Amino acid sequence: MASLIRRRPLKGALKTLRRRLASAAGALKRGEPTAERVHKVRRDIKKARAALRLLKVSLPEGSFKRVNQLARDAARLLGPARDAEAIQNSWRSLKLAPLKADVAEADVSRDSTAFKKAARLLRQAQKCASKFRAGPAGWGPLGKALNASYRTGLRAWRQVQEEPSVANYHQWRKRVKDQRYQLELLDPDRDPGLASQSKTLKQLSDRLGQDHDLSVLRDQLSQEPARFGVGAETALAPITARQRALRFASQKLAGQLYAVKPRSFERRLRQHWKKALKNQINPSSQTEMKRRRVSAK
């Protein structure tokens, strides 16, 4: 992904949007549909939409909505193939009876029509995004977008605390992924504090993803228990126990992640951006300073 460490940071977001849309469309065009390709395409789309949300403040509302809807609809077309893989992985993680053949051998190639439709939508999104402009230089627009992303994630977490429904957990998961991919664009490894926050976001995203996959499995098990070869009660107990553990861990990570106020979070990112930009502009002077510090020891 293109870095936001530049004088015009939104240009980095725009490059990421275009590259990820192109990558997703290209992956759907090449070869036969596979579970691995579905995973890659959906990940590219998520990263594209996360970058798009950074550009929202500098785009006409209609343009933002158009590309966001095209990318979202493309991802939804791939949802059944993704869920089939998630059901298999979640079932195996519970170490229950072997899956019956029609579940264990889910074939994503039967979704070739959906793949073609998704590819067409992504090409339309690419065409729209090619007309976008990166917007003004400086931190202001980017800071506003990152602040909004943090606030949206915080509100989603609070909504989960008030009503821990599957739908609310799913919405929170999506906002956590947005923030995770957006922070990656700021090269967080340059700063120990941000590197730690980036790690927390990944851990939280992974746990919420596992919880979501178990919810998909629970729903399928409730609808068609005979397909799984065991009684629904036998499988539901370990699913419930695993989700309880995952949600407890997620709440603990969220307490760390949202410990600071949105304005303080944005200020910290701005300081990181300015420092990283300065180092990028004057690499020779920074190298000389490091050499002097080492010599002085």
C-alpha atoms as a PDB file:
ATOM      1  CA  MET A   1       0.000   0.000   0.000  1.00  0.00           C
ATOM      2  CA  ALA A   2       1.118   3.581  -0.657  1.00  0.00           C
ATOM      3  CA  SER A   3       2.333   5.454   2.408  1.00  0.00           C
ATOM      4  CA  LEU A   4       0.601   8.528   3.850  1.00  0.00           C
ATOM      5  CA  ILE A   5       3.998   9.899   4.903  1.00  0.00           C
ATOM      6  CA  ARG A   6       4.114  12.649   2.279  1.00  0.00           C
ATOM      7  CA  ARG A   7       3.239  16.339   1.984  1.00  0.00           C
ATOM      8  CA  ARG A   8      -0.022  15.380   0.316  1.00  0.00           C
ATOM      9  CA  PRO A   9      -1.029  12.359   2.420  1.00  0.00           C
ATOM     10  CA  LEU A  10      -4.378  11.914   0.701  1.00  0.00           C
ATOM     11  CA  LYS A  11      -2.450  11.186  -2.484  1.00  0.00           C
ATOM     12  CA  GLY A  12      -1.168   8.053  -0.747  1.00  0.00           C
ATOM     13  CA  ALA A  13      -4.752   7.095   0.149  1.00  0.00           C
ATOM     14  CA  LEU A  14      -5.828   7.605  -3.464  1.00  0.00           C
ATOM     15  CA  LYS A  15      -2.973   5.451  -4.763  1.00  0.00           C
ATOM     16  CA  THR A  16      -3.930   2.711  -2.312  1.00  0.00           C
ATOM     17  CA  LEU A  17      -7.573   2.877  -3.408  1.00  0.00           C
ATOM     18  CA  ARG A  18      -6.686   2.531  -7.082  1.00  0.00           C
ATOM     19  CA  ARG A  19      -4.071  -0.189  -6.562  1.00  0.00           C
ATOM     20  CA  ARG A  20      -6.312  -2.330  -4.383  1.00  0.00           C
ATOM     21  CA  LEU A  21      -9.254  -2.063  -6.768  1.00  0.00           C
ATOM     22  CA  ALA A  22      -6.957  -3.019  -9.653  1.00  0.00           C
ATOM     23  CA  SER A  23      -5.499  -5.923  -7.663  1.00  0.00           C
ATOM     24  CA  ALA A  24      -8.957  -7.257  -6.755  1.00  0.00           C
ATOM     25  CA  ALA A  25     -10.291  -6.965 -10.311  1.00  0.00           C
ATOM     26  CA  GLY A  26      -7.147  -8.589 -11.708  1.00  0.00           C
ATOM     27  CA  ALA A  27      -7.320 -11.519  -9.288  1.00  0.00           C
ATOM     28  CA  LEU A  28     -10.899 -12.257 -10.359  1.00  0.00           C
ATOM     29  CA  LYS A  29      -9.877 -12.167 -14.004  1.00  0.00           C
ATOM     30  CA  ARG A  30      -6.965 -14.595 -13.665  1.00  0.00           C
ATOM     31  CA  GLY A  31      -7.541 -18.355 -13.570  1.00  0.00           C
ATOM     32  CA  GLU A  32     -10.236 -20.407 -11.869  1.00  0.00           C
ATOM     33  CA  PRO A  33     -11.991 -19.213  -8.700  1.00  0.00           C
ATOM     34  CA  THR A  34     -10.381 -20.606  -5.546  1.00  0.00           C
ATOM     35  CA  ALA A  35     -10.858 -20.077  -1.814  1.00  0.00           C
ATOM     36  CA  GLU A  36      -7.449 -18.373  -1.643  1.00  0.00           C
ATOM     37  CA  ARG A  37      -8.402 -15.981  -4.432  1.00  0.00           C
ATOM     38  CA  VAL A  38     -11.690 -15.124  -2.738  1.00  0.00           C
ATOM     39  CA  HIS A  39      -9.806 -14.289   0.453  1.00  0.00           C
ATOM     40  CA  LYS A  40      -7.307 -12.090  -1.389  1.00  0.00           C
ATOM     41  CA  VAL A  41      -9.964 -10.230  -3.365  1.00  0.00           C
ATOM     42  CA  ARG A  42     -12.097  -9.512  -0.305  1.00  0.00           C
ATOM     43  CA  ARG A  43      -9.042  -8.303   1.605  1.00  0.00           C
ATOM     44  CA  ASP A  44      -8.102  -5.990  -1.269  1.00  0.00           C
ATOM     45  CA  ILE A  45     -11.632  -4.604  -1.329  1.00  0.00           C
ATOM     46  CA  LYS A  46     -11.565  -3.949   2.425  1.00  0.00           C
ATOM     47  CA  LYS A  47      -8.264  -2.108   2.126  1.00  0.00           C
ATOM     48  CA  ALA A  48      -9.617  -0.117  -0.820  1.00  0.00           C
ATOM     49  CA  ARG A  49     -12.719   0.925   1.138  1.00  0.00           C
ATOM     50  CA  ALA A  50     -10.613   1.836   4.184  1.00  0.00           C
ATOM     51  CA  ALA A  51      -8.522   4.131   1.959  1.00  0.00           C
ATOM     52  CA  LEU A  52     -11.684   5.498   0.357  1.00  0.00           C
ATOM     53  CA  ARG A  53     -12.993   6.561   3.766  1.00  0.00           C
ATOM     54  CA  LEU A  54      -9.847   8.652   4.254  1.00  0.00           C
ATOM     55  CA  LEU A  55     -10.711  10.473   1.026  1.00  0.00           C
ATOM     56  CA  LYS A  56     -14.347  11.055   1.963  1.00  0.00           C
ATOM     57  CA  VAL A  57     -13.709  14.567   3.317  1.00  0.00           C
ATOM     58  CA  SER A  58     -12.260  15.703  -0.035  1.00  0.00           C
ATOM     59  CA  LEU A  59     -14.709  13.982  -2.412  1.00  0.00           C
ATOM     60  CA  PRO A  60     -18.209  14.920  -3.574  1.00  0.00           C
ATOM     61  CA  GLU A  61     -20.657  12.854  -1.565  1.00  0.00           C
ATOM     62  CA  GLY A  62     -22.088  11.214  -4.668  1.00  0.00           C
ATOM     63  CA  SER A  63     -18.657  10.103  -5.895  1.00  0.00           C
ATOM     64  CA  PHE A  64     -17.780   8.573  -2.539  1.00  0.00           C
ATOM     65  CA  LYS A  65     -21.078   6.722  -2.295  1.00  0.00           C
ATOM     66  CA  ARG A  66     -20.814   5.419  -5.855  1.00  0.00           C
ATOM     67  CA  VAL A  67     -17.388   3.797  -5.451  1.00  0.00           C
ATOM     68  CA  ASN A  68     -18.169   2.568  -1.934  1.00  0.00           C
ATOM     69  CA  GLN A  69     -21.386   0.909  -3.119  1.00  0.00           C
ATOM     70  CA  LEU A  70     -19.698  -0.742  -6.121  1.00  0.00           C
ATOM     71  CA  ALA A  71     -16.909  -2.160  -3.945  1.00  0.00           C
ATOM     72  CA  ARG A  72     -19.358  -3.258  -1.244  1.00  0.00           C
ATOM     73  CA  ASP A  73     -21.628  -5.023  -3.741  1.00  0.00           C
ATOM     74  CA  ALA A  74     -18.634  -6.790  -5.298  1.00  0.00           C
ATOM     75  CA  ALA A  75     -17.568  -8.082  -1.884  1.00  0.00           C
ATOM     76  CA  ARG A  76     -21.112  -9.267  -1.116  1.00  0.00           C
ATOM     77  CA  LEU A  77     -21.182 -11.343  -4.305  1.00  0.00           C
ATOM     78  CA  LEU A  78     -18.179 -13.229  -2.955  1.00  0.00           C
ATOM     79  CA  GLY A  79     -19.757 -13.663   0.485  1.00  0.00           C
ATOM     80  CA  PRO A  80     -21.229 -17.180  -0.013  1.00  0.00           C
ATOM     81  CA  ALA A  81     -17.878 -18.549  -1.195  1.00  0.00           C
ATOM     82  CA  ARG A  82     -16.126 -16.901   1.735  1.00  0.00           C
ATOM     83  CA  ASP A  83     -18.700 -18.226   4.226  1.00  0.00           C
ATOM     84  CA  ALA A  84     -18.282 -21.782   2.916  1.00  0.00           C
ATOM     85  CA  GLU A  85     -14.583 -21.637   3.715  1.00  0.00           C
ATOM     86  CA  ALA A  86     -15.219 -19.986   7.092  1.00  0.00           C
ATOM     87  CA  ILE A  87     -17.661 -22.740   8.092  1.00  0.00           C
ATOM     88  CA  GLN A  88     -15.088 -25.419   7.336  1.00  0.00           C
ATOM     89  CA  ASN A  89     -12.299 -23.671   9.243  1.00  0.00           C
ATOM     90  CA  SER A  90     -14.495 -22.891  12.257  1.00  0.00           C
ATOM     91  CA  TRP A  91     -15.770 -26.464  12.454  1.00  0.00           C
ATOM     92  CA  ARG A  92     -12.250 -27.883  12.350  1.00  0.00           C
ATOM     93  CA  SER A  93     -11.108 -25.465  15.051  1.00  0.00           C
ATOM     94  CA  LEU A  94     -13.720 -26.943  17.397  1.00  0.00           C
ATOM     95  CA  LYS A  95     -12.305 -30.463  16.828  1.00  0.00           C
ATOM     96  CA  LEU A  96     -15.697 -32.128  16.529  1.00  0.00           C
ATOM     97  CA  ALA A  97     -16.725 -34.999  14.253  1.00  0.00           C
ATOM     98  CA  PRO A  98     -15.401 -34.910  10.667  1.00  0.00           C
ATOM     99  CA  LEU A  99     -17.540 -32.858   8.314  1.00  0.00           C
ATOM    100  CA  LYS A 100     -19.835 -34.596   5.870  1.00  0.00           C
ATOM    101  CA  ALA A 101     -18.612 -34.573   2.274  1.00  0.00           C
ATOM    102  CA  ASP A 102     -21.001 -31.907   0.946  1.00  0.00           C
ATOM    103  CA  VAL A 103     -19.789 -29.472   3.628  1.00  0.00           C
ATOM    104  CA  ALA A 104     -16.106 -30.385   3.657  1.00  0.00           C
ATOM    105  CA  GLU A 105     -15.783 -30.163  -0.113  1.00  0.00           C
ATOM    106  CA  ALA A 106     -17.407 -26.810  -0.722  1.00  0.00           C
ATOM    107  CA  ASP A 107     -16.533 -25.801  -4.285  1.00  0.00           C
ATOM    108  CA  VAL A 108     -16.175 -22.076  -4.922  1.00  0.00           C
ATOM    109  CA  SER A 109     -15.981 -22.634  -8.671  1.00  0.00           C
ATOM    110  CA  ARG A 110     -19.772 -22.902  -8.739  1.00  0.00           C
ATOM    111  CA  ASP A 111     -19.784 -19.174  -7.984  1.00  0.00           C
ATOM    112  CA  SER A 112     -18.092 -18.300 -11.293  1.00  0.00           C
ATOM    113  CA  THR A 113     -21.067 -16.160 -12.328  1.00  0.00           C
ATOM    114  CA  ALA A 114     -20.820 -14.175  -9.118  1.00  0.00           C
ATOM    115  CA  PHE A 115     -17.093 -13.752  -9.730  1.00  0.00           C
ATOM    116  CA  LYS A 116     -17.742 -12.283 -13.169  1.00  0.00           C
ATOM    117  CA  LYS A 117     -20.335  -9.872 -11.793  1.00  0.00           C
ATOM    118  CA  ALA A 118     -17.966  -8.824  -8.997  1.00  0.00           C
ATOM    119  CA  ALA A 119     -15.161  -8.224 -11.494  1.00  0.00           C
ATOM    120  CA  ARG A 120     -17.464  -6.029 -13.573  1.00  0.00           C
ATOM    121  CA  LEU A 121     -18.431  -3.960 -10.514  1.00  0.00           C
ATOM    122  CA  LEU A 122     -14.788  -3.517  -9.551  1.00  0.00           C
ATOM    123  CA  ARG A 123     -13.905  -2.302 -13.043  1.00  0.00           C
ATOM    124  CA  GLN A 124     -16.677   0.271 -12.742  1.00  0.00           C
ATOM    125  CA  ALA A 125     -15.278   1.349  -9.377  1.00  0.00           C
ATOM    126  CA  GLN A 126     -11.817   1.652 -10.951  1.00  0.00           C
ATOM    127  CA  LYS A 127     -13.192   3.875 -13.692  1.00  0.00           C
ATOM    128  CA  CYS A 128     -14.861   6.172 -11.154  1.00  0.00           C
ATOM    129  CA  ALA A 129     -11.778   6.304  -8.908  1.00  0.00           C
ATOM    130  CA  SER A 130      -9.551   7.201 -11.863  1.00  0.00           C
ATOM    131  CA  LYS A 131     -11.302  10.580 -11.963  1.00  0.00           C
ATOM    132  CA  PHE A 132     -10.694  11.364  -8.271  1.00  0.00           C
ATOM    133  CA  ARG A 133      -8.244  14.007  -7.125  1.00  0.00           C
ATOM    134  CA  ALA A 134      -6.230  13.686  -3.929  1.00  0.00           C
ATOM    135  CA  GLY A 135      -7.425  16.921  -2.350  1.00  0.00           C
ATOM    136  CA  PRO A 136      -5.419  19.544  -0.448  1.00  0.00           C
ATOM    137  CA  ALA A 137      -1.952  19.037   1.012  1.00  0.00           C
ATOM    138  CA  GLY A 138      -1.131  18.924   4.711  1.00  0.00           C
ATOM    139  CA  TRP A 139      -2.394  17.036   7.712  1.00  0.00           C
ATOM    140  CA  GLY A 140      -5.792  18.726   8.096  1.00  0.00           C
ATOM    141  CA  PRO A 141      -8.037  16.602   5.822  1.00  0.00           C
ATOM    142  CA  LEU A 142      -6.284  13.360   6.769  1.00  0.00           C
ATOM    143  CA  GLY A 143      -6.446  14.150  10.481  1.00  0.00           C
ATOM    144  CA  LYS A 144     -10.159  14.831  10.204  1.00  0.00           C
ATOM    145  CA  ALA A 145     -10.713  11.485   8.454  1.00  0.00           C
ATOM    146  CA  LEU A 146      -8.629   9.520  10.977  1.00  0.00           C
ATOM    147  CA  ASN A 147     -10.411  11.214  13.856  1.00  0.00           C
ATOM    148  CA  ALA A 148     -13.768  10.264  12.334  1.00  0.00           C
ATOM    149  CA  SER A 149     -12.603   6.653  11.855  1.00  0.00           C
ATOM    150  CA  TYR A 150     -11.531   6.419  15.498  1.00  0.00           C
ATOM    151  CA  ARG A 151     -14.834   7.892  16.711  1.00  0.00           C
ATOM    152  CA  THR A 152     -16.828   5.503  14.526  1.00  0.00           C
ATOM    153  CA  GLY A 153     -14.944   2.525  15.955  1.00  0.00           C
ATOM    154  CA  LEU A 154     -15.439   3.797  19.482  1.00  0.00           C
ATOM    155  CA  ARG A 155     -19.191   4.210  18.925  1.00  0.00           C
ATOM    156  CA  ALA A 156     -19.418   0.712  17.450  1.00  0.00           C
ATOM    157  CA  TRP A 157     -17.655  -0.709  20.532  1.00  0.00           C
ATOM    158  CA  ARG A 158     -20.040   1.113  22.868  1.00  0.00           C
ATOM    159  CA  GLN A 159     -22.983  -0.197  20.859  1.00  0.00           C
ATOM    160  CA  VAL A 160     -21.679  -3.736  21.379  1.00  0.00           C
ATOM    161  CA  GLN A 161     -21.413  -3.107  25.112  1.00  0.00           C
ATOM    162  CA  GLU A 162     -25.028  -1.937  25.198  1.00  0.00           C
ATOM    163  CA  GLU A 163     -26.333  -4.731  22.974  1.00  0.00           C
ATOM    164  CA  PRO A 164     -23.886  -7.594  22.195  1.00  0.00           C
ATOM    165  CA  SER A 165     -25.765  -8.847  19.143  1.00  0.00           C
ATOM    166  CA  VAL A 166     -24.204 -10.613  16.177  1.00  0.00           C
ATOM    167  CA  ALA A 167     -25.031  -7.622  13.954  1.00  0.00           C
ATOM    168  CA  ASN A 168     -23.369  -5.141  16.328  1.00  0.00           C
ATOM    169  CA  TYR A 169     -20.254  -7.277  16.657  1.00  0.00           C
ATOM    170  CA  HIS A 170     -20.077  -7.512  12.870  1.00  0.00           C
ATOM    171  CA  GLN A 171     -20.304  -3.728  12.472  1.00  0.00           C
ATOM    172  CA  TRP A 172     -17.617  -3.226  15.103  1.00  0.00           C
ATOM    173  CA  ARG A 173     -15.381  -5.739  13.326  1.00  0.00           C
ATOM    174  CA  LYS A 174     -15.660  -3.771  10.071  1.00  0.00           C
ATOM    175  CA  ARG A 175     -14.717  -0.503  11.750  1.00  0.00           C
ATOM    176  CA  VAL A 176     -11.726  -2.145  13.466  1.00  0.00           C
ATOM    177  CA  LYS A 177     -10.526  -3.405  10.082  1.00  0.00           C
ATOM    178  CA  ASP A 178     -10.863   0.094   8.645  1.00  0.00           C
ATOM    179  CA  GLN A 179      -8.732   1.555  11.398  1.00  0.00           C
ATOM    180  CA  ARG A 180      -6.190  -1.259  11.135  1.00  0.00           C
ATOM    181  CA  TYR A 181      -5.657  -0.783   7.412  1.00  0.00           C
ATOM    182  CA  GLN A 182      -5.598   3.005   7.724  1.00  0.00           C
ATOM    183  CA  LEU A 183      -2.959   2.906  10.441  1.00  0.00           C
ATOM    184  CA  GLU A 184      -0.820   0.610   8.286  1.00  0.00           C
ATOM    185  CA  LEU A 185      -0.613   3.441   5.736  1.00  0.00           C
ATOM    186  CA  LEU A 186       1.167   5.598   8.329  1.00  0.00           C
ATOM    187  CA  ASP A 187       4.142   3.219   8.643  1.00  0.00           C
ATOM    188  CA  PRO A 188       3.495   2.563  12.375  1.00  0.00           C
ATOM    189  CA  ASP A 189       6.663   0.493  12.781  1.00  0.00           C
ATOM    190  CA  ARG A 190       8.623   3.761  12.860  1.00  0.00           C
ATOM    191  CA  ASP A 191       7.094   4.529  16.262  1.00  0.00           C
ATOM    192  CA  PRO A 192       7.055   1.953  19.119  1.00  0.00           C
ATOM    193  CA  GLY A 193       3.774   3.271  20.499  1.00  0.00           C
ATOM    194  CA  LEU A 194       1.985   3.130  17.165  1.00  0.00           C
ATOM    195  CA  ALA A 195       3.539  -0.248  16.403  1.00  0.00           C
ATOM    196  CA  SER A 196       1.983  -1.551  19.617  1.00  0.00           C
ATOM    197  CA  GLN A 197      -1.388  -0.046  18.683  1.00  0.00           C
ATOM    198  CA  SER A 198      -1.153  -1.579  15.219  1.00  0.00           C
ATOM    199  CA  LYS A 199      -0.498  -4.965  16.833  1.00  0.00           C
ATOM    200  CA  THR A 200      -3.502  -4.525  19.134  1.00  0.00           C
ATOM    201  CA  LEU A 201      -5.709  -3.679  16.146  1.00  0.00           C
ATOM    202  CA  LYS A 202      -4.588  -6.826  14.343  1.00  0.00           C
ATOM    203  CA  GLN A 203      -5.223  -9.006  17.397  1.00  0.00           C
ATOM    204  CA  LEU A 204      -8.646  -7.454  17.903  1.00  0.00           C
ATOM    205  CA  SER A 205      -9.506  -7.812  14.219  1.00  0.00           C
ATOM    206  CA  ASP A 206      -8.481 -11.484  14.251  1.00  0.00           C
ATOM    207  CA  ARG A 207     -10.558 -12.293  17.323  1.00  0.00           C
ATOM    208  CA  LEU A 208     -13.620 -10.493  16.011  1.00  0.00           C
ATOM    209  CA  GLY A 209     -13.148 -12.331  12.711  1.00  0.00           C
ATOM    210  CA  GLN A 210     -13.100 -15.699  14.464  1.00  0.00           C
ATOM    211  CA  ASP A 211     -16.200 -14.728  16.428  1.00  0.00           C
ATOM    212  CA  HIS A 212     -17.985 -13.758  13.208  1.00  0.00           C
ATOM    213  CA  ASP A 213     -17.048 -17.056  11.537  1.00  0.00           C
ATOM    214  CA  LEU A 214     -18.469 -18.968  14.491  1.00  0.00           C
ATOM    215  CA  SER A 215     -21.687 -16.961  14.192  1.00  0.00           C
ATOM    216  CA  VAL A 216     -21.892 -17.982  10.524  1.00  0.00           C
ATOM    217  CA  LEU A 217     -21.366 -21.610  11.548  1.00  0.00           C
ATOM    218  CA  ARG A 218     -23.984 -21.344  14.314  1.00  0.00           C
ATOM    219  CA  ASP A 219     -26.534 -19.962  11.867  1.00  0.00           C
ATOM    220  CA  GLN A 220     -25.846 -22.702   9.311  1.00  0.00           C
ATOM    221  CA  LEU A 221     -25.948 -25.384  11.993  1.00  0.00           C
ATOM    222  CA  SER A 222     -29.313 -24.133  13.237  1.00  0.00           C
ATOM    223  CA  GLN A 223     -30.771 -24.153   9.724  1.00  0.00           C
ATOM    224  CA  GLU A 224     -29.358 -27.480   8.478  1.00  0.00           C
ATOM    225  CA  PRO A 225     -28.035 -29.573  11.396  1.00  0.00           C
ATOM    226  CA  ALA A 226     -28.236 -32.818   9.413  1.00  0.00           C
ATOM    227  CA  ARG A 227     -25.499 -31.605   7.042  1.00  0.00           C
ATOM    228  CA  PHE A 228     -22.950 -31.641   9.863  1.00  0.00           C
ATOM    229  CA  GLY A 229     -23.474 -35.202  11.056  1.00  0.00           C
ATOM    230  CA  VAL A 230     -24.026 -34.337  14.728  1.00  0.00           C
ATOM    231  CA  GLY A 231     -26.852 -33.017  16.851  1.00  0.00           C
ATOM    232  CA  ALA A 232     -27.145 -29.262  17.021  1.00  0.00           C
ATOM    233  CA  GLU A 233     -26.830 -29.333  20.825  1.00  0.00           C
ATOM    234  CA  THR A 234     -23.512 -31.186  20.597  1.00  0.00           C
ATOM    235  CA  ALA A 235     -21.916 -28.480  18.468  1.00  0.00           C
ATOM    236  CA  LEU A 236     -23.595 -25.393  19.935  1.00  0.00           C
ATOM    237  CA  ALA A 237     -22.038 -25.808  23.380  1.00  0.00           C
ATOM    238  CA  PRO A 238     -18.384 -25.528  22.203  1.00  0.00           C
ATOM    239  CA  ILE A 239     -19.335 -22.712  19.814  1.00  0.00           C
ATOM    240  CA  THR A 240     -20.847 -20.752  22.699  1.00  0.00           C
ATOM    241  CA  ALA A 241     -17.829 -21.385  24.920  1.00  0.00           C
ATOM    242  CA  ARG A 242     -15.378 -20.326  22.204  1.00  0.00           C
ATOM    243  CA  GLN A 243     -17.312 -17.172  21.372  1.00  0.00           C
ATOM    244  CA  ARG A 244     -17.496 -16.234  25.039  1.00  0.00           C
ATOM    245  CA  ALA A 245     -13.698 -16.492  25.293  1.00  0.00           C
ATOM    246  CA  LEU A 246     -13.156 -14.536  22.074  1.00  0.00           C
ATOM    247  CA  ARG A 247     -15.499 -11.748  23.121  1.00  0.00           C
ATOM    248  CA  PHE A 248     -13.902 -11.474  26.545  1.00  0.00           C
ATOM    249  CA  ALA A 249     -10.479 -11.131  24.899  1.00  0.00           C
ATOM    250  CA  SER A 250     -11.880  -8.599  22.412  1.00  0.00           C
ATOM    251  CA  GLN A 251     -13.294  -6.411  25.181  1.00  0.00           C
ATOM    252  CA  LYS A 252      -9.954  -6.452  26.963  1.00  0.00           C
ATOM    253  CA  LEU A 253      -8.110  -5.395  23.803  1.00  0.00           C
ATOM    254  CA  ALA A 254     -10.704  -2.705  23.121  1.00  0.00           C
ATOM    255  CA  GLY A 255     -10.117  -1.253  26.573  1.00  0.00           C
ATOM    256  CA  GLN A 256      -6.474  -0.738  25.593  1.00  0.00           C
ATOM    257  CA  LEU A 257      -7.259   0.527  22.106  1.00  0.00           C
ATOM    258  CA  TYR A 258      -9.861   3.127  23.059  1.00  0.00           C
ATOM    259  CA  ALA A 259      -8.166   4.326  26.238  1.00  0.00           C
ATOM    260  CA  VAL A 260      -7.383   7.743  24.731  1.00  0.00           C
ATOM    261  CA  LYS A 261      -9.809  10.376  23.497  1.00  0.00           C
ATOM    262  CA  PRO A 262     -10.206  10.837  19.723  1.00  0.00           C
ATOM    263  CA  ARG A 263      -8.521  14.243  19.755  1.00  0.00           C
ATOM    264  CA  SER A 264      -5.519  12.888  21.645  1.00  0.00           C
ATOM    265  CA  PHE A 265      -5.338   9.972  19.235  1.00  0.00           C
ATOM    266  CA  GLU A 266      -5.301  12.315  16.247  1.00  0.00           C
ATOM    267  CA  ARG A 267      -2.671  14.544  17.877  1.00  0.00           C
ATOM    268  CA  ARG A 268      -0.401  11.569  18.389  1.00  0.00           C
ATOM    269  CA  LEU A 269      -0.767  10.520  14.761  1.00  0.00           C
ATOM    270  CA  ARG A 270      -0.061  14.068  13.596  1.00  0.00           C
ATOM    271  CA  GLN A 271       3.161  14.199  15.607  1.00  0.00           C
ATOM    272  CA  HIS A 272       4.221  10.862  14.141  1.00  0.00           C
ATOM    273  CA  TRP A 273       3.404  12.040  10.610  1.00  0.00           C
ATOM    274  CA  LYS A 274       5.351  15.291  10.977  1.00  0.00           C
ATOM    275  CA  LYS A 275       8.398  13.541  12.435  1.00  0.00           C
ATOM    276  CA  ALA A 276       8.362  10.791   9.812  1.00  0.00           C
ATOM    277  CA  LEU A 277       7.920  13.353   7.039  1.00  0.00           C
ATOM    278  CA  LYS A 278      10.858  15.372   8.324  1.00  0.00           C
ATOM    279  CA  ASN A 279      13.062  12.272   8.425  1.00  0.00           C
ATOM    280  CA  GLN A 280      11.959  11.416   4.909  1.00  0.00           C
ATOM    281  CA  ILE A 281      12.790  14.874   3.590  1.00  0.00           C
ATOM    282  CA  ASN A 282      16.173  15.109   5.329  1.00  0.00           C
ATOM    283  CA  PRO A 283      17.489  11.535   5.410  1.00  0.00           C
ATOM    284  CA  SER A 284      21.172  12.557   5.290  1.00  0.00           C
ATOM    285  CA  SER A 285      20.905  14.847   8.311  1.00  0.00           C
ATOM    286  CA  GLN A 286      19.036  12.187  10.266  1.00  0.00           C
ATOM    287  CA  THR A 287      21.699   9.610   9.416  1.00  0.00           C
ATOM    288  CA  GLU A 288      24.417  12.021  10.531  1.00  0.00           C
ATOM    289  CA  MET A 289      22.643  12.646  13.844  1.00  0.00           C
ATOM    290  CA  LYS A 290      22.414   8.906  14.487  1.00  0.00           C
ATOM    291  CA  ARG A 291      26.121   8.513  13.632  1.00  0.00           C
ATOM    292  CA  ARG A 292      27.055  11.241  16.094  1.00  0.00           C
ATOM    293  CA  ARG A 293      24.970   9.680  18.871  1.00  0.00           C
ATOM    294  CA  VAL A 294      26.642   6.323  18.304  1.00  0.00           C
ATOM    295  CA  SER A 295      30.125   7.935  18.294  1.00  0.00           C
ATOM    296  CA  ALA A 296      29.386   9.777  21.532  1.00  0.00           C
ATOM    297  CA  LYS A 297      28.653   6.543  23.408  1.00  0.00           C
END
